[in-house]
PDB file of N, CA and C in Angstrom:
ATOM      1  N   MET A   1     152.964 -89.593 115.726  1.00  0.00           N
ATOM      2  CA  MET A   1     152.770 -88.152 115.583  1.00  0.00           C
ATOM      3  C   MET A   1     151.451 -87.781 116.269  1.00  0.00           C
ATOM      4  N   THR A   2     151.513 -86.765 117.088  1.00  0.00           N
ATOM      5  CA  THR A   2     150.320 -86.335 117.805  1.00  0.00           C
ATOM      6  C   THR A   2     149.409 -85.526 116.882  1.00  0.00           C
ATOM      7  N   GLU A   3     148.200 -85.342 117.331  1.00  0.00           N
ATOM      8  CA  GLU A   3     147.235 -84.549 116.574  1.00  0.00           C
ATOM      9  C   GLU A   3     147.739 -83.121 116.383  1.00  0.00           C
ATOM     10  N   LEU A   4     148.341 -82.555 117.394  1.00  0.00           N
ATOM     11  CA  LEU A   4     148.884 -81.204 117.313  1.00  0.00           C
ATOM     12  C   LEU A   4     149.985 -81.120 116.252  1.00  0.00           C
ATOM     13  N   GLU A   5     150.877 -82.087 116.215  1.00  0.00           N
ATOM     14  CA  GLU A   5     151.945 -82.103 115.212  1.00  0.00           C
ATOM     15  C   GLU A   5     151.360 -82.242 113.808  1.00  0.00           C
ATOM     16  N   ARG A   6     150.345 -83.101 113.653  1.00  0.00           N
ATOM     17  CA  ARG A   6     149.691 -83.255 112.341  1.00  0.00           C
ATOM     18  C   ARG A   6     149.057 -81.934 111.896  1.00  0.00           C
ATOM     19  N   LEU A   7     148.437 -81.240 112.840  1.00  0.00           N
ATOM     20  CA  LEU A   7     147.826 -79.956 112.506  1.00  0.00           C
ATOM     21  C   LEU A   7     148.874 -78.918 112.115  1.00  0.00           C
ATOM     22  N   ARG A   8     149.993 -78.922 112.797  1.00  0.00           N
ATOM     23  CA  ARG A   8     151.069 -77.980 112.445  1.00  0.00           C
ATOM     24  C   ARG A   8     151.612 -78.265 111.046  1.00  0.00           C
ATOM     25  N   VAL A   9     151.764 -79.528 110.718  1.00  0.00           N
ATOM     26  CA  VAL A   9     152.215 -79.901 109.370  1.00  0.00           C
ATOM     27  C   VAL A   9     151.190 -79.432 108.340  1.00  0.00           C
ATOM     28  N   ARG A  10     149.916 -79.646 108.641  1.00  0.00           N
ATOM     29  CA  ARG A  10     148.859 -79.238 107.706  1.00  0.00           C
ATOM     30  C   ARG A  10     148.826 -77.716 107.547  1.00  0.00           C
ATOM     31  N   VAL A  11     149.042 -76.992 108.642  1.00  0.00           N
ATOM     32  CA  VAL A  11     149.091 -75.525 108.566  1.00  0.00           C
ATOM     33  C   VAL A  11     150.229 -75.090 107.653  1.00  0.00           C
ATOM     34  N   ARG A  12     151.410 -75.697 107.795  1.00  0.00           N
ATOM     35  CA  ARG A  12     152.544 -75.354 106.919  1.00  0.00           C
ATOM     36  C   ARG A  12     152.213 -75.647 105.459  1.00  0.00           C
ATOM     37  N   GLU A  13     151.564 -76.795 105.208  1.00  0.00           N
ATOM     38  CA  GLU A  13     151.175 -77.139 103.835  1.00  0.00           C
ATOM     39  C   GLU A  13     150.205 -76.098 103.272  1.00  0.00           C
ATOM     40  N   LEU A  14     149.228 -75.717 104.078  1.00  0.00           N
ATOM     41  CA  LEU A  14     148.257 -74.718 103.627  1.00  0.00           C
ATOM     42  C   LEU A  14     148.892 -73.358 103.412  1.00  0.00           C
ATOM     43  N   GLU A  15     149.844 -72.987 104.259  1.00  0.00           N
ATOM     44  CA  GLU A  15     150.547 -71.713 104.074  1.00  0.00           C
ATOM     45  C   GLU A  15     151.333 -71.708 102.773  1.00  0.00           C
ATOM     46  N   GLU A  16     151.971 -72.832 102.439  1.00  0.00           N
ATOM     47  CA  GLU A  16     152.700 -72.941 101.179  1.00  0.00           C
ATOM     48  C   GLU A  16     151.739 -72.862  99.999  1.00  0.00           C
ATOM     49  N   GLU A  17     150.599 -73.530 100.117  1.00  0.00           N
ATOM     50  CA  GLU A  17     149.601 -73.488  99.048  1.00  0.00           C
ATOM     51  C   GLU A  17     149.060 -72.070  98.875  1.00  0.00           C
ATOM     52  N   LEU A  18     148.803 -71.394  99.987  1.00  0.00           N
ATOM     53  CA  LEU A  18     148.324 -70.020  99.933  1.00  0.00           C
ATOM     54  C   LEU A  18     149.348 -69.110  99.257  1.00  0.00           C
ATOM     55  N   ALA A  19     150.618 -69.301  99.575  1.00  0.00           N
ATOM     56  CA  ALA A  19     151.670 -68.493  98.943  1.00  0.00           C
ATOM     57  C   ALA A  19     151.672 -68.696  97.436  1.00  0.00           C
ATOM     58  N   GLU A  20     151.456 -69.914  96.988  1.00  0.00           N
ATOM     59  CA  GLU A  20     151.390 -70.183  95.544  1.00  0.00           C
ATOM     60  C   GLU A  20     150.190 -69.494  94.915  1.00  0.00           C
ATOM     61  N   TRP A  21     149.047 -69.557  95.581  1.00  0.00           N
ATOM     62  CA  TRP A  21     147.852 -68.898  95.063  1.00  0.00           C
ATOM     63  C   TRP A  21     148.024 -67.388  95.040  1.00  0.00           C
ATOM     64  N   GLU A  22     148.699 -66.847  96.042  1.00  0.00           N
ATOM     65  CA  GLU A  22     148.933 -65.403  96.060  1.00  0.00           C
ATOM     66  C   GLU A  22     149.815 -64.980  94.892  1.00  0.00           C
ATOM     67  N   LYS A  23     150.804 -65.793  94.550  1.00  0.00           N
ATOM     68  CA  LYS A  23     151.629 -65.493  93.373  1.00  0.00           C
ATOM     69  C   LYS A  23     150.767 -65.483  92.119  1.00  0.00           C
ATOM     70  N   PHE A  24     149.877 -66.471  92.020  1.00  0.00           N
ATOM     71  CA  PHE A  24     148.991 -66.548  90.865  1.00  0.00           C
ATOM     72  C   PHE A  24     148.094 -65.324  90.809  1.00  0.00           C
ATOM     73  N   GLY A  25     147.539 -64.946  91.956  1.00  0.00           N
ATOM     74  CA  GLY A  25     146.679 -63.775  92.010  1.00  0.00           C
ATOM     75  C   GLY A  25     147.418 -62.509  91.646  1.00  0.00           C
ATOM     76  N   GLU A  26     148.669 -62.397  92.072  1.00  0.00           N
ATOM     77  CA  GLU A  26     149.483 -61.230  91.750  1.00  0.00           C
ATOM     78  C   GLU A  26     149.730 -61.153  90.250  1.00  0.00           C
ATOM     79  N   MET A  27     150.053 -62.284  89.642  1.00  0.00           N
ATOM     80  CA  MET A  27     150.259 -62.295  88.188  1.00  0.00           C
ATOM     81  C   MET A  27     148.962 -61.924  87.484  1.00  0.00           C
ATOM     82  N   ASP A  28     147.860 -62.486  87.945  1.00  0.00           N
ATOM     83  CA  ASP A  28     146.571 -62.209  87.335  1.00  0.00           C
ATOM     84  C   ASP A  28     146.252 -60.718  87.441  1.00  0.00           C
ATOM     85  N   ARG A  29     146.479 -60.126  88.598  1.00  0.00           N
ATOM     86  CA  ARG A  29     146.210 -58.706  88.786  1.00  0.00           C
ATOM     87  C   ARG A  29     147.075 -57.876  87.850  1.00  0.00           C
ATOM     88  N   ASN A  30     148.352 -58.209  87.752  1.00  0.00           N
ATOM     89  CA  ASN A  30     149.250 -57.464  86.868  1.00  0.00           C
ATOM     90  C   ASN A  30     148.836 -57.612  85.412  1.00  0.00           C
ATOM     91  N   GLU A  31     148.395 -58.795  85.028  1.00  0.00           N
ATOM     92  CA  GLU A  31     147.919 -58.989  83.657  1.00  0.00           C
ATOM     93  C   GLU A  31     146.667 -58.165  83.397  1.00  0.00           C
ATOM     94  N   ARG A  32     145.763 -58.122  84.390  1.00  0.00           N
ATOM     95  CA  ARG A  32     144.544 -57.316  84.237  1.00  0.00           C
ATOM     96  C   ARG A  32     144.878 -55.831  84.151  1.00  0.00           C
ATOM     97  N   ILE A  33     145.806 -55.373  84.985  1.00  0.00           N
ATOM     98  CA  ILE A  33     146.211 -53.968  84.915  1.00  0.00           C
ATOM     99  C   ILE A  33     146.769 -53.660  83.533  1.00  0.00           C
ATOM    100  N   HIS A  34     147.576 -54.557  83.000  1.00  0.00           N
ATOM    101  CA  HIS A  34     148.141 -54.351  81.662  1.00  0.00           C
ATOM    102  C   HIS A  34     147.031 -54.290  80.610  1.00  0.00           C
ATOM    103  N   GLN A  35     146.048 -55.171  80.715  1.00  0.00           N
ATOM    104  CA  GLN A  35     144.934 -55.160  79.770  1.00  0.00           C
ATOM    105  C   GLN A  35     144.163 -53.840  79.857  1.00  0.00           C
ATOM    106  N   TRP A  36     143.860 -53.397  81.061  1.00  0.00           N
ATOM    107  CA  TRP A  36     143.138 -52.136  81.240  1.00  0.00           C
ATOM    108  C   TRP A  36     143.976 -50.977  80.730  1.00  0.00           C
ATOM    109  N   ARG A  37     145.268 -51.016  80.982  1.00  0.00           N
ATOM    110  CA  ARG A  37     146.173 -49.965  80.533  1.00  0.00           C
ATOM    111  C   ARG A  37     146.161 -49.839  79.019  1.00  0.00           C
ATOM    112  N   ARG A  38     146.282 -50.990  78.356  1.00  0.00           N
ATOM    113  CA  ARG A  38     146.256 -50.993  76.887  1.00  0.00           C
ATOM    114  C   ARG A  38     144.913 -50.520  76.351  1.00  0.00           C
ATOM    115  N   SER A  39     143.845 -51.033  76.922  1.00  0.00           N
ATOM    116  CA  SER A  39     142.506 -50.718  76.416  1.00  0.00           C
ATOM    117  C   SER A  39     142.133 -49.253  76.613  1.00  0.00           C
ATOM    118  N   LEU A  40     142.517 -48.686  77.744  1.00  0.00           N
ATOM    119  CA  LEU A  40     142.169 -47.298  78.026  1.00  0.00           C
ATOM    120  C   LEU A  40     143.233 -46.315  77.570  1.00  0.00           C
ATOM    121  N   GLY A  41     144.423 -46.817  77.269  1.00  0.00           N
ATOM    122  CA  GLY A  41     145.511 -45.951  76.845  1.00  0.00           C
ATOM    123  C   GLY A  41     146.012 -45.063  77.971  1.00  0.00           C
ATOM    124  N   VAL A  42     146.183 -45.647  79.159  1.00  0.00           N
ATOM    125  CA  VAL A  42     146.590 -44.883  80.340  1.00  0.00           C
ATOM    126  C   VAL A  42     147.787 -45.548  81.009  1.00  0.00           C
ATOM    127  N   LEU A  43     148.358 -44.851  81.976  1.00  0.00           N
ATOM    128  CA  LEU A  43     149.456 -45.399  82.763  1.00  0.00           C
ATOM    129  C   LEU A  43     148.938 -46.491  83.704  1.00  0.00           C
ATOM    130  N   PRO A  44     149.814 -47.380  84.161  1.00  0.00           N
ATOM    131  CA  PRO A  44     149.385 -48.457  85.058  1.00  0.00           C
ATOM    132  C   PRO A  44     148.654 -47.966  86.312  1.00  0.00           C
ATOM    133  N   GLN A  45     149.111 -46.855  86.895  1.00  0.00           N
ATOM    134  CA  GLN A  45     148.446 -46.328  88.090  1.00  0.00           C
ATOM    135  C   GLN A  45     146.995 -45.966  87.802  1.00  0.00           C
ATOM    136  N   VAL A  46     146.776 -45.335  86.664  1.00  0.00           N
ATOM    137  CA  VAL A  46     145.429 -44.914  86.276  1.00  0.00           C
ATOM    138  C   VAL A  46     144.565 -46.139  85.995  1.00  0.00           C
ATOM    139  N   ALA A  47     145.131 -47.113  85.309  1.00  0.00           N
ATOM    140  CA  ALA A  47     144.395 -48.343  85.025  1.00  0.00           C
ATOM    141  C   ALA A  47     144.006 -49.059  86.303  1.00  0.00           C
ATOM    142  N   HIS A  48     144.921 -49.085  87.260  1.00  0.00           N
ATOM    143  CA  HIS A  48     144.643 -49.754  88.527  1.00  0.00           C
ATOM    144  C   HIS A  48     143.520 -49.053  89.283  1.00  0.00           C
ATOM    145  N   VAL A  49     143.533 -47.732  89.316  1.00  0.00           N
ATOM    146  CA  VAL A  49     142.457 -46.981  89.962  1.00  0.00           C
ATOM    147  C   VAL A  49     141.130 -47.265  89.263  1.00  0.00           C
ATOM    148  N   ALA A  50     141.133 -47.276  87.938  1.00  0.00           N
ATOM    149  CA  ALA A  50     139.905 -47.568  87.193  1.00  0.00           C
ATOM    150  C   ALA A  50     139.377 -48.962  87.535  1.00  0.00           C
ATOM    151  N   MET A  51     140.267 -49.942  87.609  1.00  0.00           N
ATOM    152  CA  MET A  51     139.859 -51.304  87.969  1.00  0.00           C
ATOM    153  C   MET A  51     139.221 -51.338  89.349  1.00  0.00           C
ATOM    154  N   ILE A  52     139.853 -50.692  90.298  1.00  0.00           N
ATOM    155  CA  ILE A  52     139.354 -50.705  91.677  1.00  0.00           C
ATOM    156  C   ILE A  52     137.967 -50.058  91.742  1.00  0.00           C
ATOM    157  N   LEU A  53     137.800 -48.926  91.091  1.00  0.00           N
ATOM    158  CA  LEU A  53     136.502 -48.257  91.108  1.00  0.00           C
ATOM    159  C   LEU A  53     135.428 -49.109  90.431  1.00  0.00           C
ATOM    160  N   CYS A  54     135.786 -49.764  89.342  1.00  0.00           N
ATOM    161  CA  CYS A  54     134.811 -50.575  88.605  1.00  0.00           C
ATOM    162  C   CYS A  54     134.461 -51.876  89.321  1.00  0.00           C
ATOM    163  N   GLU A  55     135.270 -52.281  90.283  1.00  0.00           N
ATOM    164  CA  GLU A  55     134.958 -53.487  91.058  1.00  0.00           C
ATOM    165  C   GLU A  55     133.751 -53.274  91.964  1.00  0.00           C
ATOM    166  N   SER A  56     133.491 -52.033  92.344  1.00  0.00           N
ATOM    167  CA  SER A  56     132.332 -51.759  93.204  1.00  0.00           C
ATOM    168  C   SER A  56     131.669 -50.451  92.774  1.00  0.00           C
ATOM    169  N   PRO A  57     131.006 -50.482  91.612  1.00  0.00           N
ATOM    170  CA  PRO A  57     130.371 -49.266  91.114  1.00  0.00           C
ATOM    171  C   PRO A  57     129.298 -48.772  92.077  1.00  0.00           C
ATOM    172  N   GLY A  58     129.195 -47.444  92.175  1.00  0.00           N
ATOM    173  CA  GLY A  58     128.205 -46.843  93.042  1.00  0.00           C
ATOM    174  C   GLY A  58     128.636 -46.744  94.498  1.00  0.00           C
ATOM    175  N   ARG A  59     129.832 -47.233  94.805  1.00  0.00           N
ATOM    176  CA  ARG A  59     130.332 -47.183  96.184  1.00  0.00           C
ATOM    177  C   ARG A  59     131.634 -46.381  96.211  1.00  0.00           C
ATOM    178  N   PHE A  60     131.772 -45.544  97.222  1.00  0.00           N
ATOM    179  CA  PHE A  60     132.964 -44.720  97.337  1.00  0.00           C
ATOM    180  C   PHE A  60     134.149 -45.548  97.831  1.00  0.00           C
ATOM    181  N   LYS A  61     135.313 -45.256  97.268  1.00  0.00           N
ATOM    182  CA  LYS A  61     136.580 -45.819  97.728  1.00  0.00           C
ATOM    183  C   LYS A  61     137.387 -44.658  98.279  1.00  0.00           C
ATOM    184  N   ASN A  62     137.858 -44.803  99.510  1.00  0.00           N
ATOM    185  CA  ASN A  62     138.573 -43.665 100.080  1.00  0.00           C
ATOM    186  C   ASN A  62     139.970 -43.542  99.479  1.00  0.00           C
ATOM    187  N   THR A  63     140.478 -42.337  99.562  1.00  0.00           N
ATOM    188  CA  THR A  63     141.758 -42.001  98.946  1.00  0.00           C
ATOM    189  C   THR A  63     142.891 -42.863  99.491  1.00  0.00           C
ATOM    190  N   ASP A  64     142.871 -43.149 100.786  1.00  0.00           N
ATOM    191  CA  ASP A  64     143.934 -43.974 101.370  1.00  0.00           C
ATOM    192  C   ASP A  64     143.954 -45.377 100.765  1.00  0.00           C
ATOM    193  N   ASP A  65     142.783 -45.982 100.571  1.00  0.00           N
ATOM    194  CA  ASP A  65     142.731 -47.318  99.966  1.00  0.00           C
ATOM    195  C   ASP A  65     143.250 -47.292  98.531  1.00  0.00           C
ATOM    196  N   LEU A  66     142.849 -46.270  97.794  1.00  0.00           N
ATOM    197  CA  LEU A  66     143.340 -46.157  96.412  1.00  0.00           C
ATOM    198  C   LEU A  66     144.851 -45.939  96.401  1.00  0.00           C
ATOM    199  N   HIS A  67     145.325 -45.095  97.304  1.00  0.00           N
ATOM    200  CA  HIS A  67     146.764 -44.845  97.382  1.00  0.00           C
ATOM    201  C   HIS A  67     147.521 -46.124  97.709  1.00  0.00           C
ATOM    202  N   ASP A  68     147.030 -46.883  98.681  1.00  0.00           N
ATOM    203  CA  ASP A  68     147.700 -48.126  99.064  1.00  0.00           C
ATOM    204  C   ASP A  68     147.762 -49.105  97.897  1.00  0.00           C
ATOM    205  N   ALA A  69     146.722 -49.150  97.081  1.00  0.00           N
ATOM    206  CA  ALA A  69     146.731 -50.031  95.912  1.00  0.00           C
ATOM    207  C   ALA A  69     147.767 -49.572  94.896  1.00  0.00           C
ATOM    208  N   ILE A  70     147.864 -48.273  94.696  1.00  0.00           N
ATOM    209  CA  ILE A  70     148.848 -47.756  93.747  1.00  0.00           C
ATOM    210  C   ILE A  70     150.261 -47.986  94.265  1.00  0.00           C
ATOM    211  N   VAL A  71     150.461 -47.774  95.552  1.00  0.00           N
ATOM    212  CA  VAL A  71     151.780 -48.000  96.144  1.00  0.00           C
ATOM    213  C   VAL A  71     152.187 -49.453  95.954  1.00  0.00           C
ATOM    214  N   ALA A  72     151.252 -50.356  96.177  1.00  0.00           N
ATOM    215  CA  ALA A  72     151.545 -51.785  96.037  1.00  0.00           C
ATOM    216  C   ALA A  72     151.900 -52.137  94.604  1.00  0.00           C
ATOM    217  N   SER A  73     151.291 -51.443  93.648  1.00  0.00           N
ATOM    218  CA  SER A  73     151.542 -51.812  92.256  1.00  0.00           C
ATOM    219  C   SER A  73     152.639 -50.994  91.598  1.00  0.00           C
ATOM    220  N   GLU A  74     152.922 -49.806  92.103  1.00  0.00           N
ATOM    221  CA  GLU A  74     153.844 -48.917  91.394  1.00  0.00           C
ATOM    222  C   GLU A  74     154.923 -48.287  92.263  1.00  0.00           C
ATOM    223  N   GLU A  75     154.985 -48.605  93.542  1.00  0.00           N
ATOM    224  CA  GLU A  75     156.008 -48.070  94.433  1.00  0.00           C
ATOM    225  C   GLU A  75     155.955 -46.545  94.545  1.00  0.00           C
ATOM    226  N   SER A  76     154.804 -45.961  94.403  1.00  0.00           N
ATOM    227  CA  SER A  76     154.656 -44.518  94.514  1.00  0.00           C
ATOM    228  C   SER A  76     154.550 -44.118  95.984  1.00  0.00           C
ATOM    229  N   GLN A  77     155.032 -42.955  96.325  1.00  0.00           N
ATOM    230  CA  GLN A  77     154.998 -42.509  97.706  1.00  0.00           C
ATOM    231  C   GLN A  77     154.008 -41.372  97.942  1.00  0.00           C
ATOM    232  N   SER A  78     153.740 -40.568  96.970  1.00  0.00           N
ATOM    233  CA  SER A  78     152.947 -39.355  97.151  1.00  0.00           C
ATOM    234  C   SER A  78     151.449 -39.648  97.195  1.00  0.00           C
ATOM    235  N   ARG A  79     150.757 -39.031  98.140  1.00  0.00           N
ATOM    236  CA  ARG A  79     149.292 -39.156  98.218  1.00  0.00           C
ATOM    237  C   ARG A  79     148.628 -38.410  97.052  1.00  0.00           C
ATOM    238  N   HIS A  80     149.340 -37.454  96.504  1.00  0.00           N
ATOM    239  CA  HIS A  80     148.828 -36.670  95.376  1.00  0.00           C
ATOM    240  C   HIS A  80     148.606 -37.540  94.141  1.00  0.00           C
ATOM    241  N   VAL A  81     149.261 -38.683  94.087  1.00  0.00           N
ATOM    242  CA  VAL A  81     149.173 -39.554  92.918  1.00  0.00           C
ATOM    243  C   VAL A  81     147.738 -40.008  92.660  1.00  0.00           C
ATOM    244  N   VAL A  82     146.916 -40.107  93.691  1.00  0.00           N
ATOM    245  CA  VAL A  82     145.527 -40.532  93.503  1.00  0.00           C
ATOM    246  C   VAL A  82     144.748 -39.476  92.736  1.00  0.00           C
ATOM    247  N   SER A  83     144.856 -38.218  93.152  1.00  0.00           N
ATOM    248  CA  SER A  83     144.112 -37.164  92.450  1.00  0.00           C
ATOM    249  C   SER A  83     144.611 -37.014  91.015  1.00  0.00           C
ATOM    250  N   VAL A  84     145.896 -37.215  90.799  1.00  0.00           N
ATOM    251  CA  VAL A  84     146.436 -37.154  89.435  1.00  0.00           C
ATOM    252  C   VAL A  84     145.872 -38.307  88.600  1.00  0.00           C
ATOM    253  N   ALA A  85     145.850 -39.494  89.164  1.00  0.00           N
ATOM    254  CA  ALA A  85     145.324 -40.662  88.441  1.00  0.00           C
ATOM    255  C   ALA A  85     143.842 -40.468  88.115  1.00  0.00           C
ATOM    256  N   ILE A  86     143.075 -39.953  89.058  1.00  0.00           N
ATOM    257  CA  ILE A  86     141.646 -39.705  88.818  1.00  0.00           C
ATOM    258  C   ILE A  86     141.463 -38.671  87.719  1.00  0.00           C
ATOM    259  N   SER A  87     142.249 -37.609  87.772  1.00  0.00           N
ATOM    260  CA  SER A  87     142.162 -36.559  86.758  1.00  0.00           C
ATOM    261  C   SER A  87     142.468 -37.121  85.369  1.00  0.00           C
ATOM    262  N   ARG A  88     143.502 -37.921  85.275  1.00  0.00           N
ATOM    263  CA  ARG A  88     143.868 -38.520  83.978  1.00  0.00           C
ATOM    264  C   ARG A  88     142.808 -39.509  83.503  1.00  0.00           C
ATOM    265  N   LEU A  89     142.231 -40.247  84.444  1.00  0.00           N
ATOM    266  CA  LEU A  89     141.172 -41.188  84.075  1.00  0.00           C
ATOM    267  C   LEU A  89     139.962 -40.440  83.534  1.00  0.00           C
ATOM    268  N   LYS A  90     139.544 -39.385  84.230  1.00  0.00           N
ATOM    269  CA  LYS A  90     138.398 -38.600  83.760  1.00  0.00           C
ATOM    270  C   LYS A  90     138.655 -38.017  82.379  1.00  0.00           C
ATOM    271  N   LYS A  91     139.855 -37.506  82.178  1.00  0.00           N
ATOM    272  CA  LYS A  91     140.207 -36.922  80.879  1.00  0.00           C
ATOM    273  C   LYS A  91     140.138 -37.975  79.775  1.00  0.00           C
ATOM    274  N   ARG A  92     140.681 -39.144  80.044  1.00  0.00           N
ATOM    275  CA  ARG A  92     140.683 -40.218  79.042  1.00  0.00           C
ATOM    276  C   ARG A  92     139.260 -40.695  78.748  1.00  0.00           C
ATOM    277  N   LEU A  93     138.443 -40.796  79.789  1.00  0.00           N
ATOM    278  CA  LEU A  93     137.060 -41.228  79.586  1.00  0.00           C
ATOM    279  C   LEU A  93     136.268 -40.184  78.802  1.00  0.00           C
ATOM    280  N   ARG A  94     136.473 -38.891  79.122  1.00  0.00           N
ATOM    281  CA  ARG A  94     135.788 -37.830  78.366  1.00  0.00           C
ATOM    282  C   ARG A  94     136.153 -37.895  76.891  1.00  0.00           C
ATOM    283  N   ALA A  95     137.418 -38.178  76.597  1.00  0.00           N
ATOM    284  CA  ALA A  95     137.861 -38.271  75.203  1.00  0.00           C
ATOM    285  C   ALA A  95     137.161 -39.423  74.480  1.00  0.00           C
ATOM    286  N   ARG A  96     136.672 -40.382  75.231  1.00  0.00           N
ATOM    287  CA  ARG A  96     135.961 -41.524  74.642  1.00  0.00           C
ATOM    288  C   ARG A  96     134.451 -41.403  74.798  1.00  0.00           C
ATOM    289  N   GLY A  97     133.996 -40.225  75.174  1.00  0.00           N
ATOM    290  CA  GLY A  97     132.564 -39.972  75.256  1.00  0.00           C
ATOM    291  C   GLY A  97     131.902 -40.405  76.549  1.00  0.00           C
ATOM    292  N   ILE A  98     132.681 -40.754  77.536  1.00  0.00           N
ATOM    293  CA  ILE A  98     132.124 -41.164  78.825  1.00  0.00           C
ATOM    294  C   ILE A  98     132.283 -39.993  79.795  1.00  0.00           C
ATOM    295  N   THR A  99     131.184 -39.323  80.077  1.00  0.00           N
ATOM    296  CA  THR A  99     131.238 -38.154  80.950  1.00  0.00           C
ATOM    297  C   THR A  99     130.475 -38.420  82.244  1.00  0.00           C
ATOM    298  N   ASP A 100     130.813 -37.705  83.266  1.00  0.00           N
ATOM    299  CA  ASP A 100     130.151 -37.798  84.573  1.00  0.00           C
ATOM    300  C   ASP A 100     130.136 -39.216  85.137  1.00  0.00           C
ATOM    301  N   ALA A 101     131.167 -39.987  84.860  1.00  0.00           N
ATOM    302  CA  ALA A 101     131.229 -41.360  85.365  1.00  0.00           C
ATOM    303  C   ALA A 101     131.903 -41.430  86.728  1.00  0.00           C
ATOM    304  N   VAL A 102     132.939 -40.632  86.923  1.00  0.00           N
ATOM    305  CA  VAL A 102     133.709 -40.683  88.169  1.00  0.00           C
ATOM    306  C   VAL A 102     133.384 -39.451  89.009  1.00  0.00           C
ATOM    307  N   HIS A 103     133.026 -39.700  90.260  1.00  0.00           N
ATOM    308  CA  HIS A 103     132.661 -38.620  91.176  1.00  0.00           C
ATOM    309  C   HIS A 103     133.519 -38.690  92.423  1.00  0.00           C
ATOM    310  N   ASN A 104     133.696 -37.539  93.047  1.00  0.00           N
ATOM    311  CA  ASN A 104     134.358 -37.531  94.352  1.00  0.00           C
ATOM    312  C   ASN A 104     133.505 -36.754  95.330  1.00  0.00           C
ATOM    313  N   GLU A 105     133.626 -37.138  96.580  1.00  0.00           N
ATOM    314  CA  GLU A 105     132.904 -36.457  97.641  1.00  0.00           C
ATOM    315  C   GLU A 105     133.864 -36.317  98.813  1.00  0.00           C
ATOM    316  N   TYR A 106     134.045 -35.094  99.238  1.00  0.00           N
ATOM    317  CA  TYR A 106     134.981 -34.819 100.325  1.00  0.00           C
ATOM    318  C   TYR A 106     134.648 -35.691 101.534  1.00  0.00           C
ATOM    319  N   GLY A 107     135.667 -36.357 102.042  1.00  0.00           N
ATOM    320  CA  GLY A 107     135.491 -37.209 103.204  1.00  0.00           C
ATOM    321  C   GLY A 107     135.076 -38.630 102.888  1.00  0.00           C
ATOM    322  N   HIS A 108     134.660 -38.878 101.642  1.00  0.00           N
ATOM    323  CA  HIS A 108     134.236 -40.223 101.246  1.00  0.00           C
ATOM    324  C   HIS A 108     135.168 -40.847 100.219  1.00  0.00           C
ATOM    325  N   GLY A 109     135.727 -40.052  99.352  1.00  0.00           N
ATOM    326  CA  GLY A 109     136.645 -40.568  98.345  1.00  0.00           C
ATOM    327  C   GLY A 109     136.074 -40.466  96.943  1.00  0.00           C
ATOM    328  N   TYR A 110     136.361 -41.485  96.145  1.00  0.00           N
ATOM    329  CA  TYR A 110     135.984 -41.492  94.734  1.00  0.00           C
ATOM    330  C   TYR A 110     135.062 -42.663  94.446  1.00  0.00           C
ATOM    331  N   MET A 111     134.211 -42.476  93.408  1.00  0.00           N
ATOM    332  CA  MET A 111     133.249 -43.488  93.040  1.00  0.00           C
ATOM    333  C   MET A 111     133.003 -43.416  91.540  1.00  0.00           C
ATOM    334  N   ILE A 112     132.738 -44.565  90.934  1.00  0.00           N
ATOM    335  CA  ILE A 112     132.298 -44.590  89.542  1.00  0.00           C
ATOM    336  C   ILE A 112     130.841 -45.031  89.536  1.00  0.00           C
ATOM    337  N   THR A 113     130.050 -44.405  88.690  1.00  0.00           N
ATOM    338  CA  THR A 113     128.637 -44.772  88.613  1.00  0.00           C
ATOM    339  C   THR A 113     128.497 -46.161  88.001  1.00  0.00           C
ATOM    340  N   PRO A 114     127.414 -46.860  88.285  1.00  0.00           N
ATOM    341  CA  PRO A 114     127.207 -48.171  87.660  1.00  0.00           C
ATOM    342  C   PRO A 114     127.230 -48.094  86.129  1.00  0.00           C
ATOM    343  N   GLU A 115     126.608 -47.065  85.568  1.00  0.00           N
ATOM    344  CA  GLU A 115     126.620 -46.908  84.107  1.00  0.00           C
ATOM    345  C   GLU A 115     128.034 -46.619  83.605  1.00  0.00           C
ATOM    346  N   GLY A 116     128.759 -45.792  84.329  1.00  0.00           N
ATOM    347  CA  GLY A 116     130.140 -45.501  83.950  1.00  0.00           C
ATOM    348  C   GLY A 116     130.998 -46.750  83.997  1.00  0.00           C
ATOM    349  N   ALA A 117     130.815 -47.562  85.030  1.00  0.00           N
ATOM    350  CA  ALA A 117     131.574 -48.812  85.143  1.00  0.00           C
ATOM    351  C   ALA A 117     131.253 -49.741  83.976  1.00  0.00           C
ATOM    352  N   ARG A 118     129.968 -49.801  83.606  1.00  0.00           N
ATOM    353  CA  ARG A 118     129.576 -50.650  82.473  1.00  0.00           C
ATOM    354  C   ARG A 118     130.254 -50.184  81.188  1.00  0.00           C
ATOM    355  N   GLN A 119     130.283 -48.877  80.982  1.00  0.00           N
ATOM    356  CA  GLN A 119     130.899 -48.337  79.775  1.00  0.00           C
ATOM    357  C   GLN A 119     132.413 -48.579  79.758  1.00  0.00           C
ATOM    358  N   VAL A 120     133.051 -48.402  80.902  1.00  0.00           N
ATOM    359  CA  VAL A 120     134.503 -48.635  80.979  1.00  0.00           C
ATOM    360  C   VAL A 120     134.811 -50.107  80.730  1.00  0.00           C
ATOM    361  N   ARG A 121     134.045 -51.005  81.364  1.00  0.00           N
ATOM    362  CA  ARG A 121     134.270 -52.435  81.136  1.00  0.00           C
ATOM    363  C   ARG A 121     134.073 -52.806  79.673  1.00  0.00           C
ATOM    364  N   ALA A 122     133.105 -52.171  79.020  1.00  0.00           N
ATOM    365  CA  ALA A 122     132.875 -52.436  77.601  1.00  0.00           C
ATOM    366  C   ALA A 122     134.099 -52.030  76.777  1.00  0.00           C
ATOM    367  N   LEU A 123     134.736 -50.912  77.151  1.00  0.00           N
ATOM    368  CA  LEU A 123     135.958 -50.506  76.449  1.00  0.00           C
ATOM    369  C   LEU A 123     137.073 -51.520  76.653  1.00  0.00           C
ATOM    370  N   VAL A 124     137.199 -52.005  77.874  1.00  0.00           N
ATOM    371  CA  VAL A 124     138.291 -52.909  78.217  1.00  0.00           C
ATOM    372  C   VAL A 124     138.064 -54.285  77.612  1.00  0.00           C
ATOM    373  N   GLU A 125     136.845 -54.774  77.715  1.00  0.00           N
ATOM    374  CA  GLU A 125     136.557 -56.131  77.273  1.00  0.00           C
ATOM    375  C   GLU A 125     136.280 -56.207  75.776  1.00  0.00           C
ATOM    376  N   GLY A 126     136.163 -55.045  75.154  1.00  0.00           N
ATOM    377  CA  GLY A 126     135.983 -55.001  73.708  1.00  0.00           C
ATOM    378  C   GLY A 126     134.622 -55.399  73.333  1.00  0.00           C
TER     379      GLY A 126
END
C-alpha cells in the first residue's frame, strides 16, 4: 500500500469518527436546548436564541446567524421568527426580574449583556 493510499484510508477513518462526534454534539445541543427550555419556560426556538446569545455575552449576533440556528433546530422558514423569539425571551426574563439584558442595534443584530448572561445562566443551571 502506498503512502497516498494509507492517507486516503486514514482520511476515511477520520471522516467516520468526525461523523460520530457530530452526532454526539447534536444530541448534546438538543439536550442543552431542552434544559434551557425547561428552565426558562420558553419554546425551543427561544431557548436556542438565549443559548446562542449567552455563549458570547457583550457581542452582537446578527439576525441571519440567529435565524440559521433556529432553522437548523426547528425547521422554521420565516426571518420574522428571530424578532418573535427575542421578544418572547425579553418578556420571560422581565417576568423573572431580569431587565435590560438583551439589546438590539440596527445593522448589528442582538446582544445580551455580560450581567444578563450571568443571570440567565444562573436560572438555567439552578
